[in-house]
């Protein structure tokens, strides 16, 4: 699903491509951001999460890390994310 390290079990660290090469745009996605993102828009600094949008058939939670020069859109399936959050 989303990579995390056992020493920081409340955060995930997806490796995103960036202008400085692989992993240069690494962002932290905390459980405190992702849990509300299942139900309503949430934000933690430059990282945003939005719930599934039924109006345009987007079934996943959308995570959007932003930086001065780039942004990304990551769609995560709801059920695996929900299961990971409660574990």
N, C-alpha and C. Protein backbone atom coordinates (compact mmCIF):
# COMPACT_ATOMS: atom_id res chain seq x y z
N UNK A 1 0.85 -1.19 0.00
CA UNK A 1 0.00 0.00 0.00
C UNK A 1 0.89 1.25 0.00
N UNK A 2 1.03 1.90 1.14
CA UNK A 2 1.89 3.08 1.26
C UNK A 2 3.07 2.74 2.16
N UNK A 3 4.29 3.09 1.75
CA UNK A 3 5.45 2.74 2.58
C UNK A 3 5.51 3.53 3.88
N UNK A 4 5.89 2.84 4.94
CA UNK A 4 6.12 3.50 6.21
C UNK A 4 7.24 2.76 6.92
N UNK A 5 7.77 3.38 7.94
CA UNK A 5 8.83 2.75 8.71
C UNK A 5 8.29 2.43 10.10
N UNK A 6 8.64 1.28 10.66
CA UNK A 6 8.10 0.90 11.96
C UNK A 6 8.38 1.92 13.07
N UNK A 7 9.48 2.67 12.96
CA UNK A 7 9.81 3.66 13.98
C UNK A 7 8.85 4.86 13.94
N UNK A 8 8.13 5.04 12.83
CA UNK A 8 7.17 6.13 12.69
C UNK A 8 5.86 5.56 12.14
N UNK A 9 5.13 4.78 12.94
CA UNK A 9 3.96 4.07 12.44
C UNK A 9 2.76 4.97 12.12
N UNK A 10 2.82 6.23 12.46
CA UNK A 10 1.68 7.11 12.20
C UNK A 10 1.86 7.97 10.97
N UNK A 11 2.86 7.66 10.16
CA UNK A 11 3.12 8.42 8.94
C UNK A 11 3.51 7.48 7.81
N UNK A 12 3.23 7.91 6.59
CA UNK A 12 3.70 7.19 5.41
C UNK A 12 4.56 8.13 4.60
N UNK A 13 5.47 7.55 3.82
CA UNK A 13 6.46 8.33 3.10
C UNK A 13 6.51 7.91 1.64
N UNK A 14 5.54 8.29 0.84
CA UNK A 14 5.61 7.90 -0.58
C UNK A 14 6.77 8.59 -1.28
N UNK A 15 7.46 7.84 -2.12
CA UNK A 15 8.56 8.39 -2.91
C UNK A 15 7.98 8.97 -4.19
N UNK A 16 8.11 10.26 -4.34
CA UNK A 16 7.55 10.94 -5.50
C UNK A 16 8.68 11.50 -6.36
N UNK A 17 8.51 11.48 -7.67
CA UNK A 17 9.55 12.08 -8.51
C UNK A 17 9.58 13.60 -8.31
N UNK A 18 10.74 14.15 -8.35
CA UNK A 18 10.87 15.59 -8.20
C UNK A 18 11.95 16.13 -9.10
N UNK A 19 12.08 17.46 -9.17
CA UNK A 19 13.06 18.06 -10.07
C UNK A 19 14.49 17.71 -9.72
N UNK A 20 14.75 17.31 -8.47
CA UNK A 20 16.10 16.94 -8.06
C UNK A 20 16.39 15.46 -8.22
N UNK A 21 15.50 14.72 -8.86
CA UNK A 21 15.69 13.30 -9.07
C UNK A 21 14.74 12.49 -8.20
N UNK A 22 14.85 11.17 -8.29
CA UNK A 22 13.96 10.30 -7.51
C UNK A 22 14.03 10.61 -6.02
N UNK A 23 12.89 10.59 -5.39
CA UNK A 23 12.75 10.79 -3.94
C UNK A 23 13.05 12.22 -3.48
N UNK A 24 13.33 13.14 -4.38
CA UNK A 24 13.64 14.51 -3.94
C UNK A 24 12.39 15.26 -3.51
N UNK A 25 11.23 14.73 -3.84
CA UNK A 25 9.99 15.39 -3.46
C UNK A 25 9.27 14.60 -2.36
N UNK A 26 10.01 13.93 -1.51
CA UNK A 26 9.41 13.11 -0.45
C UNK A 26 8.58 13.99 0.48
N UNK A 27 7.38 13.53 0.76
CA UNK A 27 6.47 14.21 1.67
C UNK A 27 6.01 13.21 2.72
N UNK A 28 5.61 13.72 3.85
CA UNK A 28 5.08 12.88 4.92
C UNK A 28 3.56 13.00 4.91
N UNK A 29 2.91 11.86 4.89
CA UNK A 29 1.45 11.82 4.99
C UNK A 29 1.12 11.22 6.34
N UNK A 30 0.59 12.01 7.25
CA UNK A 30 0.29 11.50 8.59
C UNK A 30 -1.09 10.87 8.62
N UNK A 31 -1.26 9.98 9.59
CA UNK A 31 -2.59 9.40 9.79
C UNK A 31 -3.60 10.49 10.12
N UNK A 32 -3.14 11.55 10.81
CA UNK A 32 -4.03 12.66 11.15
C UNK A 32 -4.55 13.38 9.91
N UNK A 33 -3.84 13.29 8.81
CA UNK A 33 -4.28 13.86 7.54
C UNK A 33 -5.18 12.87 6.80
N UNK A 34 -4.78 11.60 6.77
CA UNK A 34 -5.47 10.61 5.97
C UNK A 34 -6.81 10.18 6.55
N UNK A 35 -6.90 10.07 7.87
CA UNK A 35 -8.16 9.63 8.49
C UNK A 35 -9.31 10.57 8.13
N UNK A 36 -9.21 11.89 8.36
CA UNK A 36 -10.31 12.75 7.96
C UNK A 36 -10.48 12.82 6.44
N UNK A 37 -9.38 12.59 5.70
CA UNK A 37 -9.46 12.62 4.25
C UNK A 37 -10.36 11.56 3.65
N UNK A 38 -10.71 10.54 4.43
CA UNK A 38 -11.67 9.54 3.98
C UNK A 38 -13.09 10.12 3.87
N UNK A 39 -13.35 11.21 4.64
CA UNK A 39 -14.71 11.73 4.74
C UNK A 39 -14.88 13.19 4.34
N UNK A 40 -13.80 13.96 4.44
CA UNK A 40 -13.89 15.40 4.12
C UNK A 40 -12.50 15.89 3.72
N UNK A 41 -12.43 17.01 3.03
CA UNK A 41 -11.11 17.54 2.68
C UNK A 41 -10.29 17.85 3.94
N UNK A 42 -9.01 17.50 3.91
CA UNK A 42 -8.13 17.80 5.03
C UNK A 42 -6.80 18.29 4.48
N UNK A 43 -6.04 18.94 5.36
CA UNK A 43 -4.78 19.54 4.92
C UNK A 43 -3.79 19.51 6.06
N UNK A 44 -2.53 19.27 5.72
CA UNK A 44 -1.44 19.32 6.68
C UNK A 44 -0.26 19.95 5.95
N UNK A 45 -0.07 21.24 6.12
CA UNK A 45 0.98 21.96 5.40
C UNK A 45 0.72 21.95 3.91
N UNK A 46 1.67 21.44 3.14
CA UNK A 46 1.56 21.41 1.68
C UNK A 46 0.87 20.16 1.16
N UNK A 47 0.41 19.31 2.06
CA UNK A 47 -0.21 18.05 1.65
C UNK A 47 -1.71 18.11 1.94
N UNK A 48 -2.50 17.73 0.93
CA UNK A 48 -3.95 17.74 1.07
C UNK A 48 -4.50 16.36 0.77
N UNK A 49 -5.63 16.05 1.39
CA UNK A 49 -6.33 14.80 1.10
C UNK A 49 -7.80 15.11 0.88
N UNK A 50 -8.39 14.47 -0.10
CA UNK A 50 -9.80 14.66 -0.41
C UNK A 50 -10.48 13.30 -0.49
N UNK A 51 -11.71 13.22 -0.01
CA UNK A 51 -12.42 11.94 -0.04
C UNK A 51 -12.83 11.56 -1.46
N UNK A 52 -13.29 10.32 -1.64
CA UNK A 52 -13.76 9.91 -2.96
C UNK A 52 -14.85 10.85 -3.46
N UNK A 53 -14.84 11.11 -4.74
CA UNK A 53 -15.82 12.00 -5.35
C UNK A 53 -16.78 11.17 -6.20
N UNK A 54 -17.99 11.02 -5.73
CA UNK A 54 -18.97 10.22 -6.46
C UNK A 54 -19.49 10.93 -7.70
N UNK A 55 -19.37 12.25 -7.73
CA UNK A 55 -19.92 13.01 -8.86
C UNK A 55 -19.16 12.76 -10.16
N UNK A 56 -17.87 12.44 -10.08
CA UNK A 56 -17.13 12.17 -11.31
C UNK A 56 -16.48 10.79 -11.29
N UNK A 57 -17.05 9.90 -10.48
CA UNK A 57 -16.65 8.49 -10.47
C UNK A 57 -15.20 8.26 -10.04
N UNK A 58 -14.71 9.06 -9.11
CA UNK A 58 -13.36 8.84 -8.55
C UNK A 58 -13.52 8.05 -7.26
N UNK A 59 -13.17 6.78 -7.27
CA UNK A 59 -13.42 5.94 -6.10
C UNK A 59 -12.39 6.04 -4.99
N UNK A 60 -11.24 6.63 -5.25
CA UNK A 60 -10.17 6.64 -4.25
C UNK A 60 -10.04 7.96 -3.53
N UNK A 61 -9.30 7.92 -2.43
CA UNK A 61 -8.92 9.14 -1.71
C UNK A 61 -7.82 9.79 -2.53
N UNK A 62 -7.93 11.08 -2.75
CA UNK A 62 -6.93 11.80 -3.54
C UNK A 62 -5.99 12.53 -2.60
N UNK A 63 -4.71 12.22 -2.70
CA UNK A 63 -3.70 12.90 -1.90
C UNK A 63 -2.91 13.80 -2.84
N UNK A 64 -2.71 15.04 -2.43
CA UNK A 64 -2.07 16.01 -3.29
C UNK A 64 -0.94 16.73 -2.56
N UNK A 65 0.28 16.26 -2.72
CA UNK A 65 1.41 17.02 -2.18
C UNK A 65 1.76 18.14 -3.15
N UNK A 66 2.05 19.30 -2.61
CA UNK A 66 2.39 20.45 -3.46
C UNK A 66 3.72 21.03 -3.02
N UNK A 67 4.41 21.58 -3.97
CA UNK A 67 5.68 22.28 -3.70
C UNK A 67 5.69 23.52 -4.57
N UNK A 68 6.70 24.34 -4.44
CA UNK A 68 6.79 25.58 -5.21
C UNK A 68 6.81 25.31 -6.71
N UNK A 69 7.45 24.22 -7.12
CA UNK A 69 7.63 23.99 -8.55
C UNK A 69 6.86 22.80 -9.10
N UNK A 70 6.19 22.04 -8.23
CA UNK A 70 5.52 20.84 -8.73
C UNK A 70 4.38 20.44 -7.81
N UNK A 71 3.52 19.60 -8.33
CA UNK A 71 2.47 18.99 -7.53
C UNK A 71 2.21 17.59 -8.09
N UNK A 72 1.50 16.80 -7.33
CA UNK A 72 1.19 15.44 -7.76
C UNK A 72 -0.21 15.09 -7.30
N UNK A 73 -0.80 14.11 -7.93
CA UNK A 73 -2.10 13.59 -7.52
C UNK A 73 -1.95 12.09 -7.36
N UNK A 74 -2.23 11.60 -6.17
CA UNK A 74 -2.11 10.18 -5.86
C UNK A 74 -3.50 9.68 -5.49
N UNK A 75 -4.01 8.72 -6.22
CA UNK A 75 -5.30 8.10 -5.89
C UNK A 75 -5.04 6.82 -5.12
N UNK A 76 -5.66 6.72 -3.95
CA UNK A 76 -5.48 5.55 -3.10
C UNK A 76 -6.84 4.90 -2.88
N UNK A 77 -6.96 3.60 -3.14
CA UNK A 77 -8.24 2.92 -2.90
C UNK A 77 -8.67 3.04 -1.44
N UNK A 78 -9.95 3.29 -1.23
CA UNK A 78 -10.48 3.56 0.10
C UNK A 78 -10.33 2.37 1.05
N UNK A 79 -10.74 1.19 0.64
CA UNK A 79 -10.78 0.06 1.57
C UNK A 79 -9.40 -0.31 2.12
N UNK A 80 -8.36 -0.46 1.30
CA UNK A 80 -7.04 -0.75 1.87
C UNK A 80 -6.54 0.38 2.78
N UNK A 81 -6.82 1.62 2.41
CA UNK A 81 -6.41 2.74 3.25
C UNK A 81 -7.12 2.69 4.60
N UNK A 82 -8.41 2.46 4.57
CA UNK A 82 -9.19 2.37 5.82
C UNK A 82 -8.66 1.24 6.70
N UNK A 83 -8.38 0.08 6.10
CA UNK A 83 -7.86 -1.05 6.86
C UNK A 83 -6.51 -0.72 7.48
N UNK A 84 -5.64 -0.05 6.73
CA UNK A 84 -4.33 0.32 7.26
C UNK A 84 -4.47 1.32 8.40
N UNK A 85 -5.39 2.27 8.28
CA UNK A 85 -5.55 3.29 9.31
C UNK A 85 -6.05 2.71 10.63
N UNK A 86 -6.85 1.66 10.58
CA UNK A 86 -7.35 1.08 11.83
C UNK A 86 -6.42 0.02 12.41
N UNK A 87 -5.38 -0.35 11.66
CA UNK A 87 -4.44 -1.37 12.19
C UNK A 87 -3.44 -0.77 13.15
